[in-house]
Amino acid sequence: MLKKILAIVAMLYAAASFAAVDVNKATAAELDAVKGIGPGISSKILDERKKGSFKDWNDFIDRVKGVGDTNAAKFSAEGMTVNGAAFKGAAAAPAAKKEDKKAEAKPAAVAASAAKK
């Protein structure tokens, strides 16, 4: 019986940790639970939120120092939202990095083969 109760509690905790965290409603602990957000960034978020709710991701990025498009994409991928919306570049950011690396690798390979000739 105790094992079943512990299993249910563990499943509820796991489900809660994957739930979306809205930056306009989250507590400091909920913000800290998002991978990549520590006490420093969460306190900056809460300080800015005292001035008014964040309208959208651009407003969030502009107002919170130390958060740019890359961090916003990471936070969104970890479940953070602004007014219930995910960051629009969240899915595109990792794909763009892979394409950039491939594009950088090709000229280096061409230069290496040209040097051999």
PDB file of N, CA and C in Angstrom:
ATOM      1  N   MET A   1       0.822  -1.197   0.000  1.00  0.00           N
ATOM      2  CA  MET A   1       0.000   0.000   0.000  1.00  0.00           C
ATOM      3  C   MET A   1       0.859   1.251   0.000  1.00  0.00           C
ATOM      4  N   LEU A   2       1.909   1.253   0.812  1.00  0.00           N
ATOM      5  CA  LEU A   2       2.793   2.410   0.890  1.00  0.00           C
ATOM      6  C   LEU A   2       3.498   2.644  -0.443  1.00  0.00           C
ATOM      7  N   LYS A   3       3.859   1.558  -1.118  1.00  0.00           N
ATOM      8  CA  LYS A   3       4.514   1.687  -2.417  1.00  0.00           C
ATOM      9  C   LYS A   3       3.585   2.345  -3.433  1.00  0.00           C
ATOM     10  N   LYS A   4       2.308   2.001  -3.402  1.00  0.00           N
ATOM     11  CA  LYS A   4       1.340   2.597  -4.326  1.00  0.00           C
ATOM     12  C   LYS A   4       1.185   4.088  -4.057  1.00  0.00           C
ATOM     13  N   ILE A   5       1.126   4.452  -2.806  1.00  0.00           N
ATOM     14  CA  ILE A   5       0.984   5.870  -2.450  1.00  0.00           C
ATOM     15  C   ILE A   5       2.220   6.649  -2.907  1.00  0.00           C
ATOM     16  N   LEU A   6       3.390   6.092  -2.654  1.00  0.00           N
ATOM     17  CA  LEU A   6       4.621   6.753  -3.084  1.00  0.00           C
ATOM     18  C   LEU A   6       4.697   6.866  -4.608  1.00  0.00           C
ATOM     19  N   ALA A   7       4.237   5.847  -5.302  1.00  0.00           N
ATOM     20  CA  ALA A   7       4.240   5.878  -6.762  1.00  0.00           C
ATOM     21  C   ALA A   7       3.300   6.959  -7.280  1.00  0.00           C
ATOM     22  N   ILE A   8       2.133   7.094  -6.670  1.00  0.00           N
ATOM     23  CA  ILE A   8       1.171   8.119  -7.077  1.00  0.00           C
ATOM     24  C   ILE A   8       1.731   9.512  -6.814  1.00  0.00           C
ATOM     25  N   VAL A   9       2.338   9.704  -5.662  1.00  0.00           N
ATOM     26  CA  VAL A   9       2.938  10.996  -5.337  1.00  0.00           C
ATOM     27  C   VAL A   9       4.053  11.332  -6.319  1.00  0.00           C
ATOM     28  N   ALA A  10       4.876  10.347  -6.662  1.00  0.00           N
ATOM     29  CA  ALA A  10       5.968  10.562  -7.611  1.00  0.00           C
ATOM     30  C   ALA A  10       5.426  10.931  -8.985  1.00  0.00           C
ATOM     31  N   MET A  11       4.352  10.277  -9.430  1.00  0.00           N
ATOM     32  CA  MET A  11       3.761  10.595 -10.727  1.00  0.00           C
ATOM     33  C   MET A  11       3.153  11.993 -10.729  1.00  0.00           C
ATOM     34  N   LEU A  12       2.505  12.377  -9.649  1.00  0.00           N
ATOM     35  CA  LEU A  12       1.945  13.726  -9.561  1.00  0.00           C
ATOM     36  C   LEU A  12       3.045  14.779  -9.588  1.00  0.00           C
ATOM     37  N   TYR A  13       4.133  14.510  -8.884  1.00  0.00           N
ATOM     38  CA  TYR A  13       5.267  15.441  -8.883  1.00  0.00           C
ATOM     39  C   TYR A  13       5.858  15.559 -10.279  1.00  0.00           C
ATOM     40  N   ALA A  14       6.010  14.439 -10.962  1.00  0.00           N
ATOM     41  CA  ALA A  14       6.560  14.456 -12.318  1.00  0.00           C
ATOM     42  C   ALA A  14       5.645  15.221 -13.268  1.00  0.00           C
ATOM     43  N   ALA A  15       4.353  15.014 -13.146  1.00  0.00           N
ATOM     44  CA  ALA A  15       3.394  15.729 -14.005  1.00  0.00           C
ATOM     45  C   ALA A  15       3.440  17.223 -13.735  1.00  0.00           C
ATOM     46  N   ALA A  16       3.575  17.604 -12.482  1.00  0.00           N
ATOM     47  CA  ALA A  16       3.628  19.022 -12.134  1.00  0.00           C
ATOM     48  C   ALA A  16       4.914  19.663 -12.647  1.00  0.00           C
ATOM     49  N   SER A  17       6.003  18.926 -12.678  1.00  0.00           N
ATOM     50  CA  SER A  17       7.264  19.503 -13.128  1.00  0.00           C
ATOM     51  C   SER A  17       7.284  19.730 -14.636  1.00  0.00           C
ATOM     52  N   PHE A  18       6.457  18.996 -15.387  1.00  0.00           N
ATOM     53  CA  PHE A  18       6.389  19.192 -16.822  1.00  0.00           C
ATOM     54  C   PHE A  18       5.298  20.165 -17.233  1.00  0.00           C
ATOM     55  N   ALA A  19       4.558  20.692 -16.278  1.00  0.00           N
ATOM     56  CA  ALA A  19       3.494  21.627 -16.587  1.00  0.00           C
ATOM     57  C   ALA A  19       4.089  22.956 -17.019  1.00  0.00           C
ATOM     58  N   ALA A  20       3.357  23.667 -17.849  1.00  0.00           N
ATOM     59  CA  ALA A  20       3.809  24.970 -18.318  1.00  0.00           C
ATOM     60  C   ALA A  20       3.839  25.960 -17.161  1.00  0.00           C
ATOM     61  N   VAL A  21       4.860  26.790 -17.168  1.00  0.00           N
ATOM     62  CA  VAL A  21       5.026  27.814 -16.143  1.00  0.00           C
ATOM     63  C   VAL A  21       4.845  29.158 -16.829  1.00  0.00           C
ATOM     64  N   ASP A  22       3.782  29.870 -16.483  1.00  0.00           N
ATOM     65  CA  ASP A  22       3.563  31.194 -17.058  1.00  0.00           C
ATOM     66  C   ASP A  22       4.344  32.215 -16.251  1.00  0.00           C
ATOM     67  N   VAL A  23       5.179  32.979 -16.932  1.00  0.00           N
ATOM     68  CA  VAL A  23       6.062  33.929 -16.277  1.00  0.00           C
ATOM     69  C   VAL A  23       5.296  35.011 -15.514  1.00  0.00           C
ATOM     70  N   ASN A  24       4.077  35.300 -15.903  1.00  0.00           N
ATOM     71  CA  ASN A  24       3.278  36.329 -15.229  1.00  0.00           C
ATOM     72  C   ASN A  24       2.579  35.821 -13.975  1.00  0.00           C
ATOM     73  N   LYS A  25       2.556  34.513 -13.768  1.00  0.00           N
ATOM     74  CA  LYS A  25       1.849  33.938 -12.620  1.00  0.00           C
ATOM     75  C   LYS A  25       2.748  33.123 -11.702  1.00  0.00           C
ATOM     76  N   ALA A  26       3.934  32.773 -12.157  1.00  0.00           N
ATOM     77  CA  ALA A  26       4.807  31.841 -11.434  1.00  0.00           C
ATOM     78  C   ALA A  26       5.439  32.474 -10.205  1.00  0.00           C
ATOM     79  N   THR A  27       5.648  31.632  -9.199  1.00  0.00           N
ATOM     80  CA  THR A  27       6.382  32.044  -8.009  1.00  0.00           C
ATOM     81  C   THR A  27       7.879  31.895  -8.292  1.00  0.00           C
ATOM     82  N   ALA A  28       8.699  32.373  -7.373  1.00  0.00           N
ATOM     83  CA  ALA A  28      10.146  32.242  -7.531  1.00  0.00           C
ATOM     84  C   ALA A  28      10.541  30.769  -7.616  1.00  0.00           C
ATOM     85  N   ALA A  29       9.915  29.929  -6.812  1.00  0.00           N
ATOM     86  CA  ALA A  29      10.235  28.499  -6.822  1.00  0.00           C
ATOM     87  C   ALA A  29       9.861  27.860  -8.156  1.00  0.00           C
ATOM     88  N   GLU A  30       8.721  28.251  -8.713  1.00  0.00           N
ATOM     89  CA  GLU A  30       8.304  27.702 -10.005  1.00  0.00           C
ATOM     90  C   GLU A  30       9.242  28.155 -11.116  1.00  0.00           C
ATOM     91  N   LEU A  31       9.695  29.407 -11.061  1.00  0.00           N
ATOM     92  CA  LEU A  31      10.646  29.886 -12.060  1.00  0.00           C
ATOM     93  C   LEU A  31      11.982  29.167 -11.925  1.00  0.00           C
ATOM     94  N   ASP A  32      12.433  28.964 -10.692  1.00  0.00           N
ATOM     95  CA  ASP A  32      13.693  28.257 -10.451  1.00  0.00           C
ATOM     96  C   ASP A  32      13.633  26.819 -10.953  1.00  0.00           C
ATOM     97  N   ALA A  33      12.446  26.247 -11.005  1.00  0.00           N
ATOM     98  CA  ALA A  33      12.290  24.865 -11.458  1.00  0.00           C
ATOM     99  C   ALA A  33      12.497  24.728 -12.965  1.00  0.00           C
ATOM    100  N   VAL A  34      12.413  25.838 -13.698  1.00  0.00           N
ATOM    101  CA  VAL A  34      12.646  25.802 -15.137  1.00  0.00           C
ATOM    102  C   VAL A  34      14.153  25.684 -15.361  1.00  0.00           C
ATOM    103  N   LYS A  35      14.553  24.691 -16.135  1.00  0.00           N
ATOM    104  CA  LYS A  35      15.983  24.465 -16.385  1.00  0.00           C
ATOM    105  C   LYS A  35      16.583  25.706 -17.049  1.00  0.00           C
ATOM    106  N   GLY A  36      17.667  26.198 -16.473  1.00  0.00           N
ATOM    107  CA  GLY A  36      18.338  27.384 -17.014  1.00  0.00           C
ATOM    108  C   GLY A  36      18.042  28.653 -16.246  1.00  0.00           C
ATOM    109  N   ILE A  37      17.005  28.620 -15.412  1.00  0.00           N
ATOM    110  CA  ILE A  37      16.671  29.792 -14.600  1.00  0.00           C
ATOM    111  C   ILE A  37      17.117  29.510 -13.172  1.00  0.00           C
ATOM    112  N   GLY A  38      17.951  30.379 -12.684  1.00  0.00           N
ATOM    113  CA  GLY A  38      18.414  30.259 -11.309  1.00  0.00           C
ATOM    114  C   GLY A  38      17.849  31.395 -10.475  1.00  0.00           C
ATOM    115  N   PRO A  39      18.309  31.503  -9.237  1.00  0.00           N
ATOM    116  CA  PRO A  39      17.807  32.560  -8.357  1.00  0.00           C
ATOM    117  C   PRO A  39      18.046  33.966  -8.895  1.00  0.00           C
ATOM    118  N   GLY A  40      19.152  34.177  -9.599  1.00  0.00           N
ATOM    119  CA  GLY A  40      19.455  35.506 -10.140  1.00  0.00           C
ATOM    120  C   GLY A  40      18.453  35.946 -11.185  1.00  0.00           C
ATOM    121  N   ILE A  41      18.197  35.092 -12.154  1.00  0.00           N
ATOM    122  CA  ILE A  41      17.259  35.445 -13.227  1.00  0.00           C
ATOM    123  C   ILE A  41      15.834  35.495 -12.690  1.00  0.00           C
ATOM    124  N   SER A  42      15.478  34.560 -11.807  1.00  0.00           N
ATOM    125  CA  SER A  42      14.109  34.576 -11.284  1.00  0.00           C
ATOM    126  C   SER A  42      13.851  35.858 -10.490  1.00  0.00           C
ATOM    127  N   SER A  43      14.845  36.359  -9.764  1.00  0.00           N
ATOM    128  CA  SER A  43      14.634  37.613  -9.022  1.00  0.00           C
ATOM    129  C   SER A  43      14.504  38.790  -9.984  1.00  0.00           C
ATOM    130  N   LYS A  44      15.261  38.782 -11.088  1.00  0.00           N
ATOM    131  CA  LYS A  44      15.118  39.830 -12.103  1.00  0.00           C
ATOM    132  C   LYS A  44      13.723  39.793 -12.716  1.00  0.00           C
ATOM    133  N   ILE A  45      13.240  38.586 -12.986  1.00  0.00           N
ATOM    134  CA  ILE A  45      11.899  38.431 -13.569  1.00  0.00           C
ATOM    135  C   ILE A  45      10.844  38.978 -12.612  1.00  0.00           C
ATOM    136  N   LEU A  46      10.947  38.592 -11.348  1.00  0.00           N
ATOM    137  CA  LEU A  46       9.960  39.053 -10.366  1.00  0.00           C
ATOM    138  C   LEU A  46      10.029  40.564 -10.161  1.00  0.00           C
ATOM    139  N   ASP A  47      11.232  41.136 -10.176  1.00  0.00           N
ATOM    140  CA  ASP A  47      11.373  42.586 -10.036  1.00  0.00           C
ATOM    141  C   ASP A  47      10.713  43.318 -11.200  1.00  0.00           C
ATOM    142  N   GLU A  48      10.926  42.831 -12.400  1.00  0.00           N
ATOM    143  CA  GLU A  48      10.312  43.460 -13.579  1.00  0.00           C
ATOM    144  C   GLU A  48       8.801  43.252 -13.594  1.00  0.00           C
ATOM    145  N   ARG A  49       8.368  42.096 -13.117  1.00  0.00           N
ATOM    146  CA  ARG A  49       6.930  41.812 -13.101  1.00  0.00           C
ATOM    147  C   ARG A  49       6.189  42.734 -12.137  1.00  0.00           C
ATOM    148  N   LYS A  50       6.874  43.201 -11.083  1.00  0.00           N
ATOM    149  CA  LYS A  50       6.257  44.150 -10.151  1.00  0.00           C
ATOM    150  C   LYS A  50       5.884  45.445 -10.862  1.00  0.00           C
ATOM    151  N   LYS A  51       6.619  45.793 -11.910  1.00  0.00           N
ATOM    152  CA  LYS A  51       6.347  47.009 -12.684  1.00  0.00           C
ATOM    153  C   LYS A  51       5.158  46.830 -13.625  1.00  0.00           C
ATOM    154  N   GLY A  52       4.799  45.590 -13.881  1.00  0.00           N
ATOM    155  CA  GLY A  52       3.679  45.284 -14.775  1.00  0.00           C
ATOM    156  C   GLY A  52       3.882  43.934 -15.427  1.00  0.00           C
ATOM    157  N   SER A  53       2.795  43.316 -15.824  1.00  0.00           N
ATOM    158  CA  SER A  53       2.872  42.002 -16.469  1.00  0.00           C
ATOM    159  C   SER A  53       3.590  42.105 -17.805  1.00  0.00           C
ATOM    160  N   PHE A  54       4.202  40.998 -18.184  1.00  0.00           N
ATOM    161  CA  PHE A  54       4.853  40.944 -19.487  1.00  0.00           C
ATOM    162  C   PHE A  54       3.785  40.751 -20.555  1.00  0.00           C
ATOM    163  N   LYS A  55       3.856  41.536 -21.614  1.00  0.00           N
ATOM    164  CA  LYS A  55       2.845  41.476 -22.679  1.00  0.00           C
ATOM    165  C   LYS A  55       3.079  40.288 -23.603  1.00  0.00           C
ATOM    166  N   ASP A  56       4.343  40.081 -23.963  1.00  0.00           N
ATOM    167  CA  ASP A  56       4.703  38.995 -24.865  1.00  0.00           C
ATOM    168  C   ASP A  56       6.181  38.674 -24.674  1.00  0.00           C
ATOM    169  N   TRP A  57       6.692  37.767 -25.481  1.00  0.00           N
ATOM    170  CA  TRP A  57       8.088  37.355 -25.339  1.00  0.00           C
ATOM    171  C   TRP A  57       9.046  38.511 -25.617  1.00  0.00           C
ATOM    172  N   ASN A  58       8.727  39.359 -26.586  1.00  0.00           N
ATOM    173  CA  ASN A  58       9.604  40.491 -26.882  1.00  0.00           C
ATOM    174  C   ASN A  58       9.690  41.434 -25.693  1.00  0.00           C
ATOM    175  N   ASP A  59       8.564  41.688 -25.047  1.00  0.00           N
ATOM    176  CA  ASP A  59       8.543  42.525 -23.852  1.00  0.00           C
ATOM    177  C   ASP A  59       9.377  41.880 -22.750  1.00  0.00           C
ATOM    178  N   PHE A  60       9.247  40.587 -22.588  1.00  0.00           N
ATOM    179  CA  PHE A  60      10.014  39.842 -21.590  1.00  0.00           C
ATOM    180  C   PHE A  60      11.512  39.966 -21.856  1.00  0.00           C
ATOM    181  N   ILE A  61      11.929  39.752 -23.097  1.00  0.00           N
ATOM    182  CA  ILE A  61      13.345  39.818 -23.466  1.00  0.00           C
ATOM    183  C   ILE A  61      13.894  41.229 -23.270  1.00  0.00           C
ATOM    184  N   ASP A  62      13.105  42.240 -23.630  1.00  0.00           N
ATOM    185  CA  ASP A  62      13.542  43.629 -23.493  1.00  0.00           C
ATOM    186  C   ASP A  62      13.717  44.042 -22.040  1.00  0.00           C
ATOM    187  N   ARG A  63      12.840  43.578 -21.175  1.00  0.00           N
ATOM    188  CA  ARG A  63      12.832  44.038 -19.792  1.00  0.00           C
ATOM    189  C   ARG A  63      13.737  43.254 -18.852  1.00  0.00           C
ATOM    190  N   VAL A  64      13.967  41.979 -19.121  1.00  0.00           N
ATOM    191  CA  VAL A  64      14.775  41.158 -18.216  1.00  0.00           C
ATOM    192  C   VAL A  64      16.203  41.104 -18.755  1.00  0.00           C
ATOM    193  N   LYS A  65      17.117  41.753 -18.046  1.00  0.00           N
ATOM    194  CA  LYS A  65      18.520  41.793 -18.455  1.00  0.00           C
ATOM    195  C   LYS A  65      19.128  40.393 -18.341  1.00  0.00           C
ATOM    196  N   GLY A  66      19.886  40.023 -19.361  1.00  0.00           N
ATOM    197  CA  GLY A  66      20.529  38.716 -19.367  1.00  0.00           C
ATOM    198  C   GLY A  66      19.737  37.641 -20.095  1.00  0.00           C
ATOM    199  N   VAL A  67      18.560  38.010 -20.597  1.00  0.00           N
ATOM    200  CA  VAL A  67      17.750  37.058 -21.356  1.00  0.00           C
ATOM    201  C   VAL A  67      17.644  37.563 -22.787  1.00  0.00           C
ATOM    202  N   GLY A  68      18.113  36.742 -23.704  1.00  0.00           N
ATOM    203  CA  GLY A  68      18.019  37.068 -25.125  1.00  0.00           C
ATOM    204  C   GLY A  68      17.196  36.007 -25.835  1.00  0.00           C
ATOM    205  N   ASP A  69      17.264  36.020 -27.141  1.00  0.00           N
ATOM    206  CA  ASP A  69      16.492  35.061 -27.932  1.00  0.00           C
ATOM    207  C   ASP A  69      16.893  33.618 -27.634  1.00  0.00           C
ATOM    208  N   THR A  70      18.188  33.386 -27.460  1.00  0.00           N
ATOM    209  CA  THR A  70      18.662  32.018 -27.208  1.00  0.00           C
ATOM    210  C   THR A  70      18.125  31.489 -25.886  1.00  0.00           C
ATOM    211  N   ASN A  71      18.242  32.302 -24.825  1.00  0.00           N
ATOM    212  CA  ASN A  71      17.719  31.874 -23.524  1.00  0.00           C
ATOM    213  C   ASN A  71      16.208  31.742 -23.558  1.00  0.00           C
ATOM    214  N   ALA A  72      15.537  32.653 -24.239  1.00  0.00           N
ATOM    215  CA  ALA A  72      14.081  32.580 -24.337  1.00  0.00           C
ATOM    216  C   ALA A  72      13.662  31.274 -25.008  1.00  0.00           C
ATOM    217  N   ALA A  73      14.386  30.884 -26.042  1.00  0.00           N
ATOM    218  CA  ALA A  73      14.077  29.630 -26.733  1.00  0.00           C
ATOM    219  C   ALA A  73      14.276  28.442 -25.795  1.00  0.00           C
ATOM    220  N   LYS A  74      15.350  28.483 -24.999  1.00  0.00           N
ATOM    221  CA  LYS A  74      15.613  27.389 -24.055  1.00  0.00           C
ATOM    222  C   LYS A  74      14.534  27.331 -22.979  1.00  0.00           C
ATOM    223  N   PHE A  75      14.180  28.495 -22.422  1.00  0.00           N
ATOM    224  CA  PHE A  75      13.159  28.533 -21.375  1.00  0.00           C
ATOM    225  C   PHE A  75      11.827  28.036 -21.907  1.00  0.00           C
ATOM    226  N   SER A  76      11.481  28.431 -23.122  1.00  0.00           N
ATOM    227  CA  SER A  76      10.224  27.997 -23.724  1.00  0.00           C
ATOM    228  C   SER A  76      10.231  26.492 -23.954  1.00  0.00           C
ATOM    229  N   ALA A  77      11.361  25.960 -24.396  1.00  0.00           N
ATOM    230  CA  ALA A  77      11.465  24.511 -24.614  1.00  0.00           C
ATOM    231  C   ALA A  77      11.318  23.746 -23.303  1.00  0.00           C
ATOM    232  N   GLU A  78      11.671  24.387 -22.193  1.00  0.00           N
ATOM    233  CA  GLU A  78      11.543  23.760 -20.874  1.00  0.00           C
ATOM    234  C   GLU A  78      10.152  23.955 -20.272  1.00  0.00           C
ATOM    235  N   GLY A  79       9.256  24.652 -20.968  1.00  0.00           N
ATOM    236  CA  GLY A  79       7.877  24.770 -20.519  1.00  0.00           C
ATOM    237  C   GLY A  79       7.444  26.146 -20.056  1.00  0.00           C
ATOM    238  N   MET A  80       8.290  27.151 -20.170  1.00  0.00           N
ATOM    239  CA  MET A  80       7.891  28.491 -19.744  1.00  0.00           C
ATOM    240  C   MET A  80       7.102  29.186 -20.849  1.00  0.00           C
ATOM    241  N   THR A  81       6.073  29.914 -20.454  1.00  0.00           N
ATOM    242  CA  THR A  81       5.262  30.661 -21.405  1.00  0.00           C
ATOM    243  C   THR A  81       5.116  32.101 -20.934  1.00  0.00           C
ATOM    244  N   VAL A  82       4.749  32.973 -21.861  1.00  0.00           N
ATOM    245  CA  VAL A  82       4.389  34.355 -21.538  1.00  0.00           C
ATOM    246  C   VAL A  82       2.955  34.531 -22.005  1.00  0.00           C
ATOM    247  N   ASN A  83       2.056  34.751 -21.069  1.00  0.00           N
ATOM    248  CA  ASN A  83       0.613  34.831 -21.356  1.00  0.00           C
ATOM    249  C   ASN A  83       0.125  33.591 -22.101  1.00  0.00           C
ATOM    250  N   GLY A  84       0.664  32.440 -21.742  1.00  0.00           N
ATOM    251  CA  GLY A  84       0.227  31.174 -22.322  1.00  0.00           C
ATOM    252  C   GLY A  84       0.838  30.854 -23.670  1.00  0.00           C
ATOM    253  N   ALA A  85       1.695  31.730 -24.198  1.00  0.00           N
ATOM    254  CA  ALA A  85       2.286  31.512 -25.519  1.00  0.00           C
ATOM    255  C   ALA A  85       3.738  31.074 -25.398  1.00  0.00           C
ATOM    256  N   ALA A  86       4.106  30.109 -26.216  1.00  0.00           N
ATOM    257  CA  ALA A  86       5.499  29.670 -26.287  1.00  0.00           C
ATOM    258  C   ALA A  86       6.283  30.642 -27.157  1.00  0.00           C
ATOM    259  N   PHE A  87       7.593  30.644 -26.996  1.00  0.00           N
ATOM    260  CA  PHE A  87       8.457  31.497 -27.802  1.00  0.00           C
ATOM    261  C   PHE A  87       8.420  31.000 -29.233  1.00  0.00           C
ATOM    262  N   LYS A  88       8.185  31.891 -30.185  1.00  0.00           N
ATOM    263  CA  LYS A  88       8.019  31.484 -31.579  1.00  0.00           C
ATOM    264  C   LYS A  88       9.285  30.887 -32.172  1.00  0.00           C
ATOM    265  N   GLY A  89      10.429  31.321 -31.704  1.00  0.00           N
ATOM    266  CA  GLY A  89      11.682  30.810 -32.240  1.00  0.00           C
ATOM    267  C   GLY A  89      12.196  29.588 -31.506  1.00  0.00           C
ATOM    268  N   ALA A  90      11.408  29.023 -30.574  1.00  0.00           N
ATOM    269  CA  ALA A  90      11.880  27.911 -29.736  1.00  0.00           C
ATOM    270  C   ALA A  90      12.262  26.698 -30.567  1.00  0.00           C
ATOM    271  N   ALA A  91      11.478  26.336 -31.541  1.00  0.00           N
ATOM    272  CA  ALA A  91      11.771  25.156 -32.350  1.00  0.00           C
ATOM    273  C   ALA A  91      12.801  25.468 -33.425  1.00  0.00           C
ATOM    274  N   ALA A  92      12.832  26.703 -33.891  1.00  0.00           N
ATOM    275  CA  ALA A  92      13.726  27.067 -34.979  1.00  0.00           C
ATOM    276  C   ALA A  92      15.151  27.301 -34.510  1.00  0.00           C
ATOM    277  N   ALA A  93      15.352  27.709 -33.266  1.00  0.00           N
ATOM    278  CA  ALA A  93      16.689  28.054 -32.792  1.00  0.00           C
ATOM    279  C   ALA A  93      17.667  26.879 -32.836  1.00  0.00           C
ATOM    280  N   PRO A  94      17.332  25.689 -32.314  1.00  0.00           N
ATOM    281  CA  PRO A  94      18.291  24.589 -32.398  1.00  0.00           C
ATOM    282  C   PRO A  94      18.548  24.149 -33.836  1.00  0.00           C
ATOM    283  N   ALA A  95      17.539  24.181 -34.683  1.00  0.00           N
ATOM    284  CA  ALA A  95      17.713  23.781 -36.073  1.00  0.00           C
ATOM    285  C   ALA A  95      18.638  24.756 -36.794  1.00  0.00           C
ATOM    286  N   ALA A  96      18.511  26.020 -36.503  1.00  0.00           N
ATOM    287  CA  ALA A  96      19.356  27.021 -37.138  1.00  0.00           C
ATOM    288  C   ALA A  96      20.814  26.822 -36.743  1.00  0.00           C
ATOM    289  N   LYS A  97      21.071  26.466 -35.506  1.00  0.00           N
ATOM    290  CA  LYS A  97      22.444  26.243 -35.060  1.00  0.00           C
ATOM    291  C   LYS A  97      23.071  25.087 -35.821  1.00  0.00           C
ATOM    292  N   LYS A  98      22.334  24.002 -36.026  1.00  0.00           N
ATOM    293  CA  LYS A  98      22.859  22.857 -36.753  1.00  0.00           C
ATOM    294  C   LYS A  98      23.187  23.239 -38.185  1.00  0.00           C
ATOM    295  N   GLU A  99      22.301  24.033 -38.813  1.00  0.00           N
ATOM    296  CA  GLU A  99      22.535  24.461 -40.190  1.00  0.00           C
ATOM    297  C   GLU A  99      23.755  25.358 -40.258  1.00  0.00           C
ATOM    298  N   ASP A 100      23.944  26.244 -39.275  1.00  0.00           N
ATOM    299  CA  ASP A 100      25.107  27.124 -39.249  1.00  0.00           C
ATOM    300  C   ASP A 100      26.388  26.321 -39.148  1.00  0.00           C
ATOM    301  N   LYS A 101      26.404  25.294 -38.306  1.00  0.00           N
ATOM    302  CA  LYS A 101      27.598  24.470 -38.153  1.00  0.00           C
ATOM    303  C   LYS A 101      27.934  23.740 -39.445  1.00  0.00           C
ATOM    304  N   LYS A 102      26.898  23.235 -40.135  1.00  0.00           N
ATOM    305  CA  LYS A 102      27.131  22.551 -41.405  1.00  0.00           C
ATOM    306  C   LYS A 102      27.683  23.532 -42.432  1.00  0.00           C
ATOM    307  N   ALA A 103      27.131  24.753 -42.465  1.00  0.00           N
ATOM    308  CA  ALA A 103      27.582  25.755 -43.427  1.00  0.00           C
ATOM    309  C   ALA A 103      29.022  26.157 -43.145  1.00  0.00           C
ATOM    310  N   GLU A 104      29.403  26.245 -41.871  1.00  0.00           N
ATOM    311  CA  GLU A 104      30.770  26.598 -41.516  1.00  0.00           C
ATOM    312  C   GLU A 104      31.732  25.463 -41.849  1.00  0.00           C
ATOM    313  N   ALA A 105      31.294  24.227 -41.700  1.00  0.00           N
ATOM    314  CA  ALA A 105      32.153  23.074 -41.932  1.00  0.00           C
ATOM    315  C   ALA A 105      32.487  22.909 -43.417  1.00  0.00           C
ATOM    316  N   LYS A 106      31.558  23.209 -44.299  1.00  0.00           N
ATOM    317  CA  LYS A 106      31.786  23.024 -45.727  1.00  0.00           C
ATOM    318  C   LYS A 106      32.908  23.910 -46.260  1.00  0.00           C
ATOM    319  N   PRO A 107      32.935  25.218 -45.985  1.00  0.00           N
ATOM    320  CA  PRO A 107      34.047  26.026 -46.489  1.00  0.00           C
ATOM    321  C   PRO A 107      35.398  25.560 -45.954  1.00  0.00           C
ATOM    322  N   ALA A 108      35.445  25.102 -44.727  1.00  0.00           N
ATOM    323  CA  ALA A 108      36.705  24.618 -44.155  1.00  0.00           C
ATOM    324  C   ALA A 108      37.172  23.382 -44.901  1.00  0.00           C
ATOM    325  N   ALA A 109      36.239  22.502 -45.234  1.00  0.00           N
ATOM    326  CA  ALA A 109      36.599  21.286 -45.966  1.00  0.00           C
ATOM    327  C   ALA A 109      37.064  21.632 -47.378  1.00  0.00           C
ATOM    328  N   VAL A 110      36.441  22.598 -48.016  1.00  0.00           N
ATOM    329  CA  VAL A 110      36.822  23.023 -49.369  1.00  0.00           C
ATOM    330  C   VAL A 110      38.212  23.654 -49.315  1.00  0.00           C
ATOM    331  N   ALA A 111      38.462  24.474 -48.293  1.00  0.00           N
ATOM    332  CA  ALA A 111      39.771  25.115 -48.166  1.00  0.00           C
ATOM    333  C   ALA A 111      40.858  24.074 -47.915  1.00  0.00           C
ATOM    334  N   ALA A 112      40.555  23.061 -47.120  1.00  0.00           N
ATOM    335  CA  ALA A 112      41.529  22.013 -46.833  1.00  0.00           C
ATOM    336  C   ALA A 112      41.865  21.218 -48.095  1.00  0.00           C
ATOM    337  N   SER A 113      40.855  20.907 -48.898  1.00  0.00           N
ATOM    338  CA  SER A 113      41.105  20.138 -50.123  1.00  0.00           C
ATOM    339  C   SER A 113      41.852  20.994 -51.153  1.00  0.00           C
ATOM    340  N   ALA A 114      41.600  22.292 -51.163  1.00  0.00           N
ATOM    341  CA  ALA A 114      42.305  23.191 -52.078  1.00  0.00           C
ATOM    342  C   ALA A 114      43.770  23.328 -51.671  1.00  0.00           C
ATOM    343  N   ALA A 115      44.025  23.298 -50.360  1.00  0.00           N
ATOM    344  CA  ALA A 115      45.401  23.412 -49.854  1.00  0.00           C
ATOM    345  C   ALA A 115      46.219  22.181 -50.220  1.00  0.00           C
ATOM    346  N   LYS A 116      45.562  21.024 -50.281  1.00  0.00           N
ATOM    347  CA  LYS A 116      46.259  19.792 -50.636  1.00  0.00           C
ATOM    348  C   LYS A 116      46.723  19.809 -52.085  1.00  0.00           C
ATOM    349  N   LYS A 117      45.987  20.490 -52.953  1.00  0.00           N
ATOM    350  CA  LYS A 117      46.306  20.528 -54.389  1.00  0.00           C
ATOM    351  C   LYS A 117      47.446  21.444 -54.568  1.00  0.00           C
TER     352      LYS A 117
END
